Structure formats: C-alpha cells, structure tokens
Amino acid sequence: MKIRFVILAVVLLSATSCSTIYIPNAANVPLISTKGEVQASVLTGTSHLDFQGAYGLTDKIALMANTSFASRNRNVLDSAKMHVHNLGELACGYYNKVGRSGRLEVYGGLGYGDTKDYDQGNTSSWQNVNGRYGKFFIQPNIGATSDIFDGAMSLRACFVKYFDFNYGGTNYKAQKSIFIEPVLTGKIGYKNVKFITQIGFSFPVLASASDLVTFDPFILNIGLNIKLNTIKSKPIVK
C-alpha cells in the first residue's frame, strides 16, 4: 500500500512538468429541473475550451453532450511545449428534485478523443506522446438551484483507454487508467443566464509503476450558462 501511495505522489508532482496526455474536461453539471429544459454552456480553463449541452427528455431522464478542445503552444527560454486534444462525449442520466430547490442527478456516458503532446526541455530531443482513446464515465451530482445562485458537488469516475499509444517514438500496447474527479460547481446570475465557476481535482486509482498516461491533476474553469424551457406551461382555465 505504501508503494502505491509513493507512486501516486510522484505522478502527481511530475504530471505538470512532463508531457501531459490526459486532460480532464470540464464537468457538465446542469441540475435539470423539468422535462423540456435545455441548457448550454461554454467554459475555458485547464481544458482550454469546452462546450456543453443538456436536455430534460422526460420528467426523470436527461441527455447530455460535451466537447473539449485544446491547442496550446508555450515557449520558455530554451524549452517549448505543444498540446492538442479533442474530445466528444454523450451521456444519459436520471434526475430528480429533492424538496423545492434540491437536485439529484446521475449520468453515465461514453467519449472518444485524441491527444498530441510535445515537450522539448533544455536539450535538442523532444518528448512526444500521442494516442486515440475511448472513455466511459459515471457522474453523480447533488446540488441546489435558485434564481440567483446554483451550487453542486460532483464525483466523476472515468475509465480511459488509449489506443495507438506512442510515447517518445515507441508504440506501446493499449494504456488504460481510472481517474476519480471530485468537482465543485457554482453558478451566479439571474434566472436563465449565469456565470460558472468550477474547481476540482483528478487523480488515478490503482496506479502502477508501468503507467505511461501522465495527466493534469487540476480542474479549473469559468464560463457562461444559458437555460431555456422548450415546453410552455398551459394556462389555467377557470
């Protein structure tokens, strides 16, 4: 057990200094209230640029779609880094009201993406990492909504499996990792338009010394959320 914790600590410390292959996307936390509700969000932060959507399909079932894009270039003295990733996700979930303002959601979804990361240190050699990957995630959300403020806690569990995995010019067998990602989300504004702030962490479980999937341990995003109701309430006939 102690060896596993040492390995995990080393990975956490080194993840920000070497080529990073897994970047956790912003968590989509819609807190759907009713059938026909549509939400759209755009966020920027550690995952660069995220677009999110959610829809109340029935009184208890909701659909979700997420995308994440990044294209980063950075030059510091004699070193250079470039990171590019693309991710798309689809999910379906259950939602329910808890009292007047409380909300409970559980989503399960699939994703597919690709990552390319190039890191040149103070030497002439480049450390290259790239690969295509599939993703499965489960994400429960619990929170509360009001006209002014929405707040929620989420605990996302992600199974990520990389295909065509290339590290430093060498092809490896498929790499897989499980990440646990606790996230706090706050939305402030008025009724249907609110600003989003999100902070969280991503860390692997069952880490081993042979893992090649380096990662970003932080989730930090800001953005804008818009909510619409596509089903109008019927007027009361006296």
Protein backbone atom coordinates (compact mmCIF):
# COMPACT_ATOMS: atom_id res chain seq x y z
CA MET A 1 0.00 0.00 0.00
CA LYS A 2 2.82 2.43 0.86
CA ILE A 3 4.43 1.83 -2.54
CA ARG A 4 1.20 2.72 -4.30
CA PHE A 5 0.92 5.99 -2.40
CA VAL A 6 4.52 6.87 -3.24
CA ILE A 7 3.91 6.16 -6.93
CA LEU A 8 0.76 8.26 -6.86
CA ALA A 9 2.57 11.18 -5.21
CA VAL A 10 5.37 11.03 -7.78
CA VAL A 11 2.89 11.01 -10.65
CA LEU A 12 1.03 13.99 -9.18
CA LEU A 13 4.20 16.01 -8.83
CA SER A 14 5.54 15.13 -12.25
CA ALA A 15 2.30 15.48 -14.20
CA THR A 16 2.67 19.23 -14.65
CA SER A 17 6.34 19.12 -15.67
CA CYS A 18 6.41 16.48 -18.41
CA SER A 19 4.29 15.65 -21.45
CA THR A 20 0.64 15.50 -20.37
CA ILE A 21 -1.55 13.03 -22.23
CA TYR A 22 -4.81 13.13 -20.18
CA ILE A 23 -6.52 16.49 -19.62
CA PRO A 24 -9.81 16.20 -17.67
CA ASN A 25 -12.58 18.17 -19.36
CA ALA A 26 -14.95 20.47 -17.50
CA ALA A 27 -17.72 18.60 -15.69
CA ASN A 28 -21.20 19.22 -17.08
CA VAL A 29 -23.45 19.87 -14.07
CA PRO A 30 -26.83 21.05 -15.44
CA LEU A 31 -29.08 20.37 -12.40
CA ILE A 32 -32.09 19.82 -14.68
CA SER A 33 -35.43 20.75 -13.11
CA THR A 34 -38.10 19.69 -15.59
CA LYS A 35 -38.96 18.00 -18.87
CA GLY A 36 -38.12 20.17 -21.89
CA GLU A 37 -35.43 22.16 -20.12
CA VAL A 38 -32.43 22.96 -22.34
CA GLN A 39 -29.06 24.14 -21.06
CA ALA A 40 -25.98 25.29 -22.99
CA SER A 41 -22.62 26.26 -21.50
CA VAL A 42 -19.24 27.42 -22.73
CA LEU A 43 -16.21 27.28 -20.44
CA THR A 44 -12.50 27.94 -20.59
CA GLY A 45 -9.75 26.91 -18.20
CA THR A 46 -7.42 23.99 -17.67
CA SER A 47 -9.06 22.03 -20.52
CA HIS A 48 -8.84 25.14 -22.75
CA LEU A 49 -12.32 25.31 -24.36
CA ASP A 50 -15.43 23.29 -23.53
CA PHE A 51 -18.95 23.35 -24.99
CA GLN A 52 -21.72 21.59 -23.06
CA GLY A 53 -25.39 20.84 -23.57
CA ALA A 54 -28.15 19.11 -21.60
CA TYR A 55 -31.83 18.37 -22.20
CA GLY A 56 -34.65 17.11 -19.98
CA LEU A 57 -36.06 14.32 -22.14
CA THR A 58 -38.74 13.20 -19.67
CA ASP A 59 -39.71 14.03 -16.10
CA LYS A 60 -36.81 11.86 -14.86
CA ILE A 61 -34.42 11.24 -17.80
CA ALA A 62 -31.95 13.77 -19.22
CA LEU A 63 -29.43 13.72 -22.09
CA MET A 64 -26.01 15.33 -22.12
CA ALA A 65 -23.40 16.20 -24.78
CA ASN A 66 -19.91 17.61 -24.15
CA THR A 67 -16.93 18.62 -26.28
CA SER A 68 -13.46 19.78 -25.30
CA PHE A 69 -10.73 21.30 -27.48
CA ALA A 70 -7.20 22.48 -26.80
CA SER A 71 -4.33 23.83 -28.87
CA ARG A 72 -1.55 25.25 -26.74
CA ASN A 73 1.95 26.42 -27.61
CA ARG A 74 4.34 27.74 -24.98
CA ASN A 75 7.96 28.83 -25.19
CA VAL A 76 10.01 29.48 -22.05
CA LEU A 77 13.71 30.25 -22.58
CA ASP A 78 15.14 27.18 -24.35
CA SER A 79 12.15 24.92 -23.77
CA ALA A 80 8.94 24.56 -25.76
CA LYS A 81 5.65 22.73 -25.26
CA MET A 82 2.70 22.00 -27.51
CA HIS A 83 -0.51 20.26 -26.53
CA VAL A 84 -3.51 19.44 -28.73
CA HIS A 85 -6.58 17.43 -27.76
CA ASN A 86 -10.13 16.86 -29.00
CA LEU A 87 -12.88 15.08 -27.06
CA GLY A 88 -16.57 14.36 -27.62
CA GLU A 89 -18.96 12.80 -25.07
CA LEU A 90 -22.58 11.64 -24.98
CA ALA A 91 -24.40 10.68 -21.79
CA CYS A 92 -27.80 9.78 -20.41
CA GLY A 93 -28.90 10.16 -16.82
CA TYR A 94 -31.54 10.28 -14.12
CA TYR A 95 -32.55 13.49 -12.35
CA ASN A 96 -34.94 14.28 -9.54
CA LYS A 97 -35.95 17.17 -7.31
CA VAL A 98 -35.13 16.98 -3.60
CA GLY A 99 -37.52 19.35 -1.87
CA ARG A 100 -38.13 22.70 -3.53
CA SER A 101 -34.59 23.64 -4.60
CA GLY A 102 -32.51 20.47 -4.19
CA ARG A 103 -31.43 18.49 -7.25
CA LEU A 104 -30.01 14.97 -7.62
CA GLU A 105 -28.54 13.66 -10.90
CA VAL A 106 -26.60 10.58 -12.00
CA TYR A 107 -25.16 10.40 -15.54
CA GLY A 108 -23.36 7.65 -17.39
CA GLY A 109 -21.65 8.33 -20.69
CA LEU A 110 -19.13 7.44 -23.38
CA GLY A 111 -16.48 9.58 -25.04
CA TYR A 112 -13.87 9.43 -27.77
CA GLY A 113 -10.88 11.67 -28.34
CA ASP A 114 -7.25 12.06 -29.31
CA THR A 115 -4.27 13.78 -27.74
CA LYS A 116 -0.91 15.00 -29.02
CA ASP A 117 1.68 16.41 -26.63
CA TYR A 118 5.22 17.54 -27.43
CA ASP A 119 7.65 18.71 -24.77
CA GLN A 120 11.17 19.92 -25.52
CA GLY A 121 13.32 20.62 -22.49
CA ASN A 122 16.73 22.26 -22.47
CA THR A 123 18.05 19.61 -24.85
CA SER A 124 17.58 19.10 -28.56
CA SER A 125 15.42 16.00 -28.05
CA TRP A 126 11.61 16.10 -27.96
CA GLN A 127 9.42 14.03 -25.68
CA ASN A 128 6.42 13.09 -27.81
CA VAL A 129 3.22 11.46 -26.57
CA ASN A 130 0.11 10.85 -28.65
CA GLY A 131 -2.80 8.47 -28.85
CA ARG A 132 -6.50 7.95 -29.51
CA TYR A 133 -8.68 6.97 -26.58
CA GLY A 134 -12.11 5.83 -25.51
CA LYS A 135 -13.71 6.94 -22.27
CA PHE A 136 -16.51 5.74 -20.01
CA PHE A 137 -17.66 7.83 -17.07
CA ILE A 138 -20.19 7.86 -14.25
CA GLN A 139 -21.02 11.22 -12.67
CA PRO A 140 -23.42 11.81 -9.76
CA ASN A 141 -24.31 15.46 -8.99
CA ILE A 142 -26.05 16.81 -5.91
CA GLY A 143 -26.88 20.48 -5.50
CA ALA A 144 -29.45 23.22 -5.18
CA THR A 145 -30.82 25.89 -7.52
CA SER A 146 -32.35 29.34 -7.13
CA ASP A 147 -32.95 32.41 -9.30
CA ILE A 148 -29.59 33.88 -8.18
CA PHE A 149 -27.24 31.00 -7.35
CA ASP A 150 -26.80 27.31 -8.15
CA GLY A 151 -24.28 25.14 -6.30
CA ALA A 152 -23.34 21.49 -6.71
CA MET A 153 -20.88 18.78 -5.74
CA SER A 154 -19.92 16.08 -8.26
CA LEU A 155 -17.82 12.93 -8.11
CA ARG A 156 -16.90 11.78 -11.62
CA ALA A 157 -15.25 8.39 -12.16
CA CYS A 158 -13.59 7.94 -15.58
CA PHE A 159 -12.21 4.83 -17.24
CA VAL A 160 -9.84 5.92 -20.01
CA LYS A 161 -8.29 3.51 -22.51
CA TYR A 162 -5.73 4.70 -25.06
CA PHE A 163 -5.24 3.08 -28.46
CA ASP A 164 -2.31 3.58 -30.86
CA PHE A 165 -0.37 4.86 -27.87
CA ASN A 166 3.04 6.31 -28.77
CA TYR A 167 5.46 7.53 -26.11
CA GLY A 168 8.81 9.03 -27.09
CA GLY A 169 8.66 7.50 -30.56
CA THR A 170 7.89 3.98 -29.28
CA ASN A 171 4.50 2.29 -29.78
CA TYR A 172 3.04 0.61 -26.70
CA LYS A 173 0.14 -1.68 -26.06
CA ALA A 174 -3.14 -0.01 -25.11
CA GLN A 175 -2.77 2.03 -21.93
CA LYS A 176 -5.67 2.33 -19.53
CA SER A 177 -6.30 4.32 -16.36
CA ILE A 178 -9.12 5.03 -13.92
CA PHE A 179 -9.47 8.58 -12.62
CA ILE A 180 -11.55 9.89 -9.71
CA GLU A 181 -12.55 13.53 -10.14
CA PRO A 182 -14.31 15.43 -7.31
CA VAL A 183 -15.64 18.80 -8.55
CA LEU A 184 -17.38 21.83 -7.03
CA THR A 185 -19.50 24.00 -9.35
CA GLY A 186 -21.11 27.37 -8.68
CA LYS A 187 -23.37 29.41 -10.98
CA ILE A 188 -24.31 33.02 -10.22
CA GLY A 189 -26.52 35.38 -12.21
CA TYR A 190 -30.26 35.79 -12.59
CA LYS A 191 -32.73 33.11 -13.63
CA ASN A 192 -31.73 31.81 -17.08
CA VAL A 193 -28.27 33.36 -17.53
CA LYS A 194 -25.49 32.63 -15.03
CA PHE A 195 -21.71 32.72 -14.83
CA ILE A 196 -19.99 29.43 -13.92
CA THR A 197 -17.01 28.81 -11.65
CA GLN A 198 -15.69 25.27 -11.28
CA ILE A 199 -12.81 23.77 -9.33
CA GLY A 200 -11.81 20.14 -8.86
CA PHE A 201 -9.07 17.53 -8.96
CA SER A 202 -8.24 14.44 -11.00
CA PHE A 203 -6.21 11.59 -9.59
CA PRO A 204 -5.63 7.98 -10.67
CA VAL A 205 -6.56 4.89 -8.72
CA LEU A 206 -4.80 1.54 -8.95
CA ALA A 207 -1.66 3.35 -10.17
CA SER A 208 1.34 1.23 -11.10
CA ALA A 209 4.95 1.97 -11.97
CA SER A 210 4.34 0.93 -15.60
CA ASP A 211 1.64 3.57 -16.23
CA LEU A 212 2.58 5.90 -19.09
CA VAL A 213 -0.57 8.05 -19.03
CA THR A 214 0.56 11.34 -17.50
CA PHE A 215 -2.21 13.75 -16.56
CA ASP A 216 -3.23 17.19 -15.34
CA PRO A 217 -4.34 16.88 -11.67
CA PHE A 218 -6.38 20.12 -11.67
CA ILE A 219 -9.83 21.09 -12.99
CA LEU A 220 -10.37 24.85 -13.00
CA ASN A 221 -12.87 26.52 -15.35
CA ILE A 222 -15.00 29.63 -15.74
CA GLY A 223 -17.80 30.19 -18.22
CA LEU A 224 -21.39 31.09 -19.03
CA ASN A 225 -24.57 29.02 -18.76
CA ILE A 226 -27.89 29.68 -20.52
CA LYS A 227 -31.12 27.85 -19.63
CA LEU A 228 -34.34 27.67 -21.65
CA ASN A 229 -37.63 25.81 -21.23
CA THR A 230 -38.98 24.49 -24.52
CA ILE A 231 -42.32 23.42 -23.04
CA LYS A 232 -44.57 26.32 -22.10
CA SER A 233 -46.88 25.96 -19.13
CA LYS A 234 -50.50 25.60 -20.10
CA PRO A 235 -52.72 28.47 -18.93
CA ILE A 236 -55.10 27.68 -16.11
CA VAL A 237 -58.71 27.63 -17.35
CA LYS A 238 -61.18 28.91 -14.82
